[in-house]
């Protein structure tokens, strides 16, 4: 898709499943102290790759290796007669952080979302992850919502 400074942004593909699953497990551990079941995560990533209605991954490669990723999922809004695009499963390998990879992925997703007629691009952040929240604000994101959940 795009290439600059040795970094290539492209849509994820089946060959990326193991790397993305590893990144998802690492992200959960780093940000929330959660140990995910890697087998379940692999199946979840594969499910997205096999069914575009579930979402799509974007990755950044450097030197032929995936170093950063994010997932877009869709939520229908009857208020807007359009989908919200949700950013999830954001991760950059520690050796490649602070190089603008998330910013590059984010800008690409916003451009793609506009072209597809999305209502907005949204994400949620752990309330304790202040560093991530600052990055999101610097990119012009705001929020007036709180997200609540219950386990099923």
N, C-alpha and C. Protein backbone atom coordinates (compact mmCIF):
# COMPACT_ATOMS: atom_id res chain seq x y z
N UNK A 1 0.82 -1.19 0.00
CA UNK A 1 0.00 0.00 0.00
C UNK A 1 0.87 1.26 0.00
N UNK A 2 1.54 1.53 1.12
CA UNK A 2 2.42 2.69 1.15
C UNK A 2 3.78 2.25 1.66
N UNK A 3 4.77 2.97 1.21
CA UNK A 3 6.13 2.63 1.62
C UNK A 3 6.91 3.93 1.79
N UNK A 4 7.55 4.08 2.93
CA UNK A 4 8.45 5.21 3.13
C UNK A 4 9.42 4.88 4.24
N UNK A 5 10.61 5.33 4.10
CA UNK A 5 11.63 5.11 5.12
C UNK A 5 11.82 3.65 5.48
N UNK A 6 11.61 2.75 4.52
CA UNK A 6 11.79 1.33 4.80
C UNK A 6 10.58 0.66 5.43
N UNK A 7 9.55 1.44 5.75
CA UNK A 7 8.34 0.88 6.37
C UNK A 7 7.26 0.75 5.31
N UNK A 8 6.63 -0.41 5.26
CA UNK A 8 5.59 -0.69 4.29
C UNK A 8 4.27 -0.95 5.03
N UNK A 9 3.25 -0.15 4.74
CA UNK A 9 1.93 -0.34 5.33
C UNK A 9 1.09 -1.12 4.33
N UNK A 10 0.47 -2.19 4.81
CA UNK A 10 -0.38 -3.01 3.94
C UNK A 10 -1.47 -3.66 4.78
N UNK A 11 -2.44 -4.23 4.08
CA UNK A 11 -3.49 -4.99 4.76
C UNK A 11 -2.90 -6.32 5.22
N UNK A 12 -3.33 -6.78 6.38
CA UNK A 12 -2.86 -8.06 6.90
C UNK A 12 -3.33 -9.21 6.03
N UNK A 13 -2.59 -10.30 6.09
CA UNK A 13 -2.94 -11.49 5.33
C UNK A 13 -2.69 -12.73 6.18
N UNK A 14 -3.13 -13.87 5.69
CA UNK A 14 -3.09 -15.11 6.46
C UNK A 14 -1.68 -15.42 6.98
N UNK A 15 -0.67 -15.09 6.21
CA UNK A 15 0.71 -15.36 6.64
C UNK A 15 1.10 -14.57 7.90
N UNK A 16 0.31 -13.56 8.25
CA UNK A 16 0.61 -12.71 9.41
C UNK A 16 -0.06 -13.19 10.70
N UNK A 17 -0.85 -14.25 10.62
CA UNK A 17 -1.67 -14.67 11.76
C UNK A 17 -0.83 -14.90 13.02
N UNK A 18 0.24 -15.67 12.91
CA UNK A 18 1.06 -15.98 14.10
C UNK A 18 1.63 -14.71 14.73
N UNK A 19 2.16 -13.82 13.89
CA UNK A 19 2.75 -12.58 14.40
C UNK A 19 1.70 -11.72 15.07
N UNK A 20 0.55 -11.56 14.41
CA UNK A 20 -0.51 -10.73 14.99
C UNK A 20 -1.01 -11.34 16.30
N UNK A 21 -1.18 -12.65 16.34
CA UNK A 21 -1.61 -13.31 17.58
C UNK A 21 -0.59 -13.08 18.69
N UNK A 22 0.69 -13.20 18.37
CA UNK A 22 1.74 -12.93 19.36
C UNK A 22 1.67 -11.49 19.85
N UNK A 23 1.46 -10.55 18.92
CA UNK A 23 1.34 -9.14 19.30
C UNK A 23 0.13 -8.92 20.20
N UNK A 24 -1.01 -9.56 19.88
CA UNK A 24 -2.20 -9.40 20.70
C UNK A 24 -1.97 -9.89 22.13
N UNK A 25 -1.31 -11.03 22.25
CA UNK A 25 -1.01 -11.57 23.58
C UNK A 25 -0.06 -10.64 24.34
N UNK A 26 0.94 -10.11 23.65
CA UNK A 26 1.90 -9.20 24.29
C UNK A 26 1.20 -7.91 24.72
N UNK A 27 0.33 -7.38 23.87
CA UNK A 27 -0.39 -6.15 24.19
C UNK A 27 -1.26 -6.32 25.42
N UNK A 28 -1.99 -7.44 25.51
CA UNK A 28 -2.85 -7.69 26.66
C UNK A 28 -2.03 -7.77 27.95
N UNK A 29 -0.88 -8.41 27.86
CA UNK A 29 0.00 -8.53 29.04
C UNK A 29 0.55 -7.15 29.43
N UNK A 30 1.04 -6.40 28.46
CA UNK A 30 1.65 -5.09 28.74
C UNK A 30 0.65 -4.07 29.27
N UNK A 31 -0.53 -4.01 28.67
CA UNK A 31 -1.46 -2.94 29.01
C UNK A 31 -2.43 -3.27 30.13
N UNK A 32 -2.77 -4.57 30.28
CA UNK A 32 -3.77 -4.92 31.28
C UNK A 32 -3.36 -6.06 32.19
N UNK A 33 -2.14 -6.57 32.01
CA UNK A 33 -1.68 -7.67 32.84
C UNK A 33 -2.44 -8.96 32.60
N UNK A 34 -3.03 -9.11 31.41
CA UNK A 34 -3.84 -10.29 31.09
C UNK A 34 -3.03 -11.33 30.33
N UNK A 35 -3.21 -12.58 30.69
CA UNK A 35 -2.63 -13.70 29.97
C UNK A 35 -3.72 -14.28 29.07
N UNK A 36 -3.62 -14.04 27.77
CA UNK A 36 -4.62 -14.57 26.84
C UNK A 36 -4.27 -15.99 26.43
N UNK A 37 -5.27 -16.76 26.08
CA UNK A 37 -5.07 -18.11 25.55
C UNK A 37 -4.65 -17.96 24.09
N UNK A 38 -3.38 -18.23 23.80
CA UNK A 38 -2.83 -18.01 22.47
C UNK A 38 -3.59 -18.79 21.40
N UNK A 39 -4.02 -20.00 21.70
CA UNK A 39 -4.78 -20.79 20.74
C UNK A 39 -6.08 -20.12 20.35
N UNK A 40 -6.76 -19.54 21.33
CA UNK A 40 -8.01 -18.82 21.06
C UNK A 40 -7.72 -17.57 20.23
N UNK A 41 -6.64 -16.87 20.57
CA UNK A 41 -6.28 -15.65 19.84
C UNK A 41 -5.94 -15.98 18.38
N UNK A 42 -5.20 -17.05 18.16
CA UNK A 42 -4.87 -17.45 16.78
C UNK A 42 -6.16 -17.70 15.99
N UNK A 43 -7.11 -18.42 16.58
CA UNK A 43 -8.38 -18.69 15.91
C UNK A 43 -9.14 -17.39 15.64
N UNK A 44 -9.08 -16.46 16.58
CA UNK A 44 -9.75 -15.17 16.40
C UNK A 44 -9.16 -14.36 15.27
N UNK A 45 -7.83 -14.34 15.18
CA UNK A 45 -7.17 -13.61 14.09
C UNK A 45 -7.48 -14.28 12.76
N UNK A 46 -7.44 -15.60 12.73
CA UNK A 46 -7.78 -16.33 11.50
C UNK A 46 -9.22 -16.02 11.07
N UNK A 47 -10.13 -15.93 12.02
CA UNK A 47 -11.53 -15.66 11.70
C UNK A 47 -11.68 -14.32 10.97
N UNK A 48 -10.91 -13.33 11.40
CA UNK A 48 -10.95 -12.03 10.71
C UNK A 48 -10.40 -12.16 9.29
N UNK A 49 -9.30 -12.88 9.16
CA UNK A 49 -8.68 -13.04 7.84
C UNK A 49 -9.62 -13.75 6.86
N UNK A 50 -10.47 -14.63 7.39
CA UNK A 50 -11.37 -15.42 6.54
C UNK A 50 -12.73 -14.76 6.31
N UNK A 51 -13.06 -13.72 7.08
CA UNK A 51 -14.37 -13.09 6.98
C UNK A 51 -14.23 -11.57 7.10
N UNK A 52 -14.20 -10.89 5.96
CA UNK A 52 -14.00 -9.44 5.94
C UNK A 52 -15.10 -8.67 6.69
N UNK A 53 -16.27 -9.28 6.90
CA UNK A 53 -17.32 -8.61 7.66
C UNK A 53 -16.94 -8.44 9.13
N UNK A 54 -16.02 -9.28 9.61
CA UNK A 54 -15.57 -9.18 11.01
C UNK A 54 -14.60 -8.02 11.19
N UNK A 55 -13.84 -7.69 10.17
CA UNK A 55 -12.87 -6.61 10.28
C UNK A 55 -11.73 -6.80 9.32
N UNK A 56 -10.70 -5.99 9.54
CA UNK A 56 -9.49 -6.14 8.74
C UNK A 56 -8.30 -5.62 9.54
N UNK A 57 -7.19 -6.29 9.32
CA UNK A 57 -5.94 -5.88 9.95
C UNK A 57 -5.14 -5.04 8.97
N UNK A 58 -4.44 -4.07 9.52
CA UNK A 58 -3.41 -3.35 8.79
C UNK A 58 -2.11 -3.57 9.54
N UNK A 59 -1.03 -3.74 8.80
CA UNK A 59 0.28 -3.98 9.40
C UNK A 59 1.31 -3.05 8.78
N UNK A 60 2.39 -2.86 9.51
CA UNK A 60 3.57 -2.18 8.98
C UNK A 60 4.71 -3.17 9.04
N UNK A 61 5.40 -3.28 7.92
CA UNK A 61 6.59 -4.13 7.81
C UNK A 61 7.83 -3.26 7.74
N UNK A 62 8.87 -3.73 8.36
CA UNK A 62 10.20 -3.16 8.17
C UNK A 62 11.13 -4.33 7.91
N UNK A 63 11.94 -4.19 6.87
CA UNK A 63 12.89 -5.23 6.49
C UNK A 63 12.20 -6.59 6.34
N UNK A 64 10.99 -6.57 5.76
CA UNK A 64 10.26 -7.80 5.51
C UNK A 64 9.60 -8.44 6.71
N UNK A 65 9.61 -7.77 7.85
CA UNK A 65 9.06 -8.32 9.09
C UNK A 65 7.94 -7.41 9.61
N UNK A 66 6.80 -8.00 9.98
CA UNK A 66 5.71 -7.22 10.56
C UNK A 66 6.15 -6.73 11.93
N UNK A 67 6.06 -5.40 12.12
CA UNK A 67 6.51 -4.80 13.38
C UNK A 67 5.40 -4.04 14.10
N UNK A 68 4.27 -3.83 13.41
CA UNK A 68 3.18 -3.07 14.00
C UNK A 68 1.87 -3.50 13.35
N UNK A 69 0.79 -3.45 14.13
CA UNK A 69 -0.51 -3.83 13.56
C UNK A 69 -1.64 -3.14 14.29
N UNK A 70 -2.79 -3.14 13.63
CA UNK A 70 -4.05 -2.78 14.28
C UNK A 70 -5.18 -3.47 13.54
N UNK A 71 -6.29 -3.60 14.22
CA UNK A 71 -7.50 -4.22 13.69
C UNK A 71 -8.60 -3.18 13.61
N UNK A 72 -9.34 -3.21 12.52
CA UNK A 72 -10.54 -2.40 12.38
C UNK A 72 -11.74 -3.34 12.44
N UNK A 73 -12.71 -3.03 13.29
CA UNK A 73 -13.99 -3.74 13.29
C UNK A 73 -15.08 -2.71 13.02
N UNK A 74 -16.27 -3.21 12.76
CA UNK A 74 -17.35 -2.33 12.31
C UNK A 74 -18.55 -2.43 13.25
N UNK A 75 -19.17 -1.30 13.51
CA UNK A 75 -20.39 -1.23 14.32
C UNK A 75 -21.41 -0.39 13.57
N UNK A 76 -22.56 -0.99 13.26
CA UNK A 76 -23.59 -0.28 12.53
C UNK A 76 -24.25 0.77 13.42
N UNK A 77 -24.48 1.95 12.86
CA UNK A 77 -25.18 3.01 13.58
C UNK A 77 -26.45 3.37 12.82
N UNK A 78 -27.60 3.12 13.44
CA UNK A 78 -28.85 3.55 12.82
C UNK A 78 -28.97 5.07 12.85
N UNK A 79 -28.35 5.72 13.82
CA UNK A 79 -28.37 7.18 13.90
C UNK A 79 -27.68 7.82 12.70
N UNK A 80 -26.65 7.16 12.23
CA UNK A 80 -25.84 7.72 11.14
C UNK A 80 -26.04 7.00 9.81
N UNK A 81 -26.77 5.88 9.83
CA UNK A 81 -26.94 5.06 8.63
C UNK A 81 -25.57 4.74 8.02
N UNK A 82 -24.66 4.37 8.89
CA UNK A 82 -23.28 4.10 8.48
C UNK A 82 -22.59 3.31 9.58
N UNK A 83 -21.43 2.78 9.26
CA UNK A 83 -20.62 2.06 10.25
C UNK A 83 -19.68 3.00 10.99
N UNK A 84 -19.49 2.72 12.25
CA UNK A 84 -18.34 3.26 12.98
C UNK A 84 -17.21 2.26 12.75
N UNK A 85 -16.04 2.75 12.52
CA UNK A 85 -14.86 1.90 12.43
C UNK A 85 -14.15 1.96 13.77
N UNK A 86 -13.98 0.81 14.39
CA UNK A 86 -13.34 0.72 15.70
C UNK A 86 -11.91 0.21 15.53
N UNK A 87 -10.97 0.94 16.07
CA UNK A 87 -9.57 0.50 16.10
C UNK A 87 -9.40 -0.37 17.33
N UNK A 88 -8.84 -1.55 17.12
CA UNK A 88 -8.57 -2.49 18.21
C UNK A 88 -7.22 -3.14 17.98
N UNK A 89 -6.78 -3.89 18.97
CA UNK A 89 -5.59 -4.74 18.86
C UNK A 89 -4.39 -4.00 18.27
N UNK A 90 -4.12 -2.83 18.82
CA UNK A 90 -2.99 -2.01 18.38
C UNK A 90 -1.72 -2.50 19.07
N UNK A 91 -0.69 -2.73 18.30
CA UNK A 91 0.58 -3.14 18.90
C UNK A 91 1.72 -2.82 17.97
N UNK A 92 2.81 -2.35 18.56
CA UNK A 92 4.08 -2.17 17.86
C UNK A 92 5.15 -2.87 18.67
N UNK A 93 5.95 -3.67 18.01
CA UNK A 93 7.06 -4.36 18.68
C UNK A 93 7.92 -3.32 19.40
N UNK A 94 8.34 -3.60 20.63
CA UNK A 94 9.09 -2.60 21.41
C UNK A 94 10.31 -2.01 20.69
N UNK A 95 10.99 -2.77 19.87
CA UNK A 95 12.17 -2.27 19.15
C UNK A 95 11.83 -1.23 18.09
N UNK A 96 10.55 -1.12 17.74
CA UNK A 96 10.14 -0.22 16.66
C UNK A 96 9.21 0.89 17.13
N UNK A 97 9.10 1.07 18.43
CA UNK A 97 8.23 2.12 18.97
C UNK A 97 8.87 3.49 18.82
N UNK A 98 8.02 4.49 18.90
CA UNK A 98 8.42 5.89 18.80
C UNK A 98 8.97 6.24 17.42
N UNK A 99 8.47 5.53 16.41
CA UNK A 99 8.84 5.80 15.02
C UNK A 99 7.64 6.30 14.22
N UNK A 100 6.52 6.52 14.88
CA UNK A 100 5.33 7.04 14.21
C UNK A 100 4.48 5.98 13.53
N UNK A 101 4.69 4.71 13.88
CA UNK A 101 3.92 3.66 13.23
C UNK A 101 2.42 3.76 13.52
N UNK A 102 2.04 3.99 14.78
CA UNK A 102 0.62 4.11 15.06
C UNK A 102 0.02 5.29 14.32
N UNK A 103 0.71 6.41 14.32
CA UNK A 103 0.21 7.59 13.62
C UNK A 103 -0.01 7.29 12.14
N UNK A 104 0.92 6.59 11.54
CA UNK A 104 0.80 6.22 10.13
C UNK A 104 -0.40 5.30 9.91
N UNK A 105 -0.56 4.29 10.75
CA UNK A 105 -1.71 3.39 10.66
C UNK A 105 -3.02 4.15 10.87
N UNK A 106 -3.05 4.99 11.87
CA UNK A 106 -4.24 5.77 12.19
C UNK A 106 -4.66 6.65 11.01
N UNK A 107 -3.73 7.39 10.47
CA UNK A 107 -4.05 8.28 9.34
C UNK A 107 -4.55 7.48 8.14
N UNK A 108 -3.96 6.32 7.91
CA UNK A 108 -4.40 5.46 6.81
C UNK A 108 -5.84 5.00 7.04
N UNK A 109 -6.14 4.58 8.25
CA UNK A 109 -7.49 4.10 8.58
C UNK A 109 -8.51 5.22 8.44
N UNK A 110 -8.19 6.42 8.88
CA UNK A 110 -9.11 7.54 8.74
C UNK A 110 -9.37 7.83 7.26
N UNK A 111 -8.34 7.81 6.46
CA UNK A 111 -8.50 8.02 5.01
C UNK A 111 -9.39 6.94 4.40
N UNK A 112 -9.13 5.68 4.75
CA UNK A 112 -9.93 4.57 4.25
C UNK A 112 -11.37 4.68 4.74
N UNK A 113 -11.55 5.04 6.00
CA UNK A 113 -12.89 5.18 6.56
C UNK A 113 -13.69 6.26 5.85
N UNK A 114 -13.06 7.40 5.60
CA UNK A 114 -13.75 8.47 4.87
C UNK A 114 -14.18 8.00 3.48
N UNK A 115 -13.27 7.33 2.80
CA UNK A 115 -13.56 6.84 1.45
C UNK A 115 -14.72 5.84 1.46
N UNK A 116 -14.85 5.07 2.54
CA UNK A 116 -15.90 4.06 2.64
C UNK A 116 -17.20 4.62 3.21
N UNK A 117 -17.20 5.89 3.60
CA UNK A 117 -18.41 6.49 4.16
C UNK A 117 -18.65 6.17 5.62
N UNK A 118 -17.60 5.83 6.35
CA UNK A 118 -17.75 5.53 7.78
C UNK A 118 -18.23 6.77 8.53
N UNK A 119 -19.00 6.55 9.58
CA UNK A 119 -19.49 7.64 10.41
C UNK A 119 -18.35 8.31 11.17
N UNK A 120 -17.43 7.50 11.68
CA UNK A 120 -16.29 7.98 12.45
C UNK A 120 -15.36 6.80 12.71
N UNK A 121 -14.15 7.13 13.13
CA UNK A 121 -13.20 6.13 13.59
C UNK A 121 -13.10 6.29 15.10
N UNK A 122 -13.27 5.18 15.81
CA UNK A 122 -13.27 5.21 17.27
C UNK A 122 -12.29 4.18 17.81
N UNK A 123 -11.92 4.38 19.05
CA UNK A 123 -11.16 3.37 19.78
C UNK A 123 -11.44 3.55 21.25
N UNK A 124 -11.08 2.56 22.01
CA UNK A 124 -11.17 2.68 23.46
C UNK A 124 -9.80 2.41 24.03
N UNK A 125 -9.54 2.99 25.19
CA UNK A 125 -8.24 2.83 25.84
C UNK A 125 -8.47 2.47 27.30
N UNK A 126 -7.59 1.66 27.83
CA UNK A 126 -7.63 1.37 29.25
C UNK A 126 -7.51 2.69 30.02
N UNK A 127 -8.32 2.85 31.04
CA UNK A 127 -8.34 4.12 31.78
C UNK A 127 -7.00 4.46 32.41
N UNK A 128 -6.16 3.46 32.65
CA UNK A 128 -4.85 3.69 33.26
C UNK A 128 -3.73 3.93 32.23
N UNK A 129 -4.03 3.73 30.97
CA UNK A 129 -3.01 3.86 29.93
C UNK A 129 -2.93 5.31 29.46
N UNK A 130 -2.34 6.13 30.30
CA UNK A 130 -2.29 7.57 30.05
C UNK A 130 -1.40 7.92 28.85
N UNK A 131 -0.35 7.15 28.64
CA UNK A 131 0.53 7.40 27.49
C UNK A 131 -0.24 7.25 26.18
N UNK A 132 -1.01 6.19 26.06
CA UNK A 132 -1.80 5.97 24.86
C UNK A 132 -2.84 7.09 24.70
N UNK A 133 -3.48 7.47 25.78
CA UNK A 133 -4.49 8.52 25.71
C UNK A 133 -3.89 9.82 25.19
N UNK A 134 -2.68 10.12 25.61
CA UNK A 134 -2.00 11.34 25.14
C UNK A 134 -1.72 11.26 23.63
N UNK A 135 -1.30 10.10 23.16
CA UNK A 135 -1.08 9.91 21.72
C UNK A 135 -2.38 10.16 20.96
N UNK A 136 -3.48 9.60 21.44
CA UNK A 136 -4.76 9.75 20.76
C UNK A 136 -5.19 11.22 20.72
N UNK A 137 -4.98 11.93 21.81
CA UNK A 137 -5.33 13.35 21.84
C UNK A 137 -4.48 14.14 20.84
N UNK A 138 -3.19 13.82 20.77
CA UNK A 138 -2.30 14.52 19.83
C UNK A 138 -2.72 14.30 18.38
N UNK A 139 -3.37 13.16 18.12
CA UNK A 139 -3.87 12.89 16.77
C UNK A 139 -5.23 13.52 16.51
N UNK A 140 -5.75 14.28 17.50
CA UNK A 140 -7.00 14.99 17.33
C UNK A 140 -8.24 14.24 17.77
N UNK A 141 -8.05 13.11 18.44
CA UNK A 141 -9.20 12.33 18.91
C UNK A 141 -9.73 12.91 20.21
N UNK A 142 -11.05 12.84 20.38
CA UNK A 142 -11.70 13.27 21.62
C UNK A 142 -12.72 12.22 22.02
N UNK A 143 -13.24 12.34 23.23
CA UNK A 143 -14.29 11.43 23.64
C UNK A 143 -15.19 12.10 24.66
N UNK A 144 -16.46 11.78 24.56
CA UNK A 144 -17.41 12.19 25.59
C UNK A 144 -18.16 10.96 26.10
N UNK A 145 -17.64 9.77 25.79
CA UNK A 145 -18.27 8.52 26.20
C UNK A 145 -17.42 7.78 27.23
N UNK A 146 -18.09 7.01 28.06
CA UNK A 146 -17.46 6.01 28.89
C UNK A 146 -17.95 4.66 28.35
N UNK A 147 -17.11 3.67 28.36
CA UNK A 147 -17.50 2.34 27.87
C UNK A 147 -17.72 1.44 29.09
N UNK A 148 -18.85 0.78 29.12
CA UNK A 148 -19.18 -0.16 30.20
C UNK A 148 -19.33 -1.55 29.58
N UNK A 149 -19.07 -2.58 30.36
CA UNK A 149 -19.23 -3.93 29.84
C UNK A 149 -19.58 -4.89 30.97
N UNK A 150 -20.09 -6.02 30.58
CA UNK A 150 -20.29 -7.14 31.49
C UNK A 150 -19.86 -8.40 30.74
N UNK A 151 -19.30 -9.34 31.45
CA UNK A 151 -18.84 -10.57 30.84
C UNK A 151 -20.02 -11.48 30.52
N UNK A 152 -19.96 -12.17 29.42
CA UNK A 152 -21.02 -13.11 29.04
C UNK A 152 -20.57 -14.54 29.30
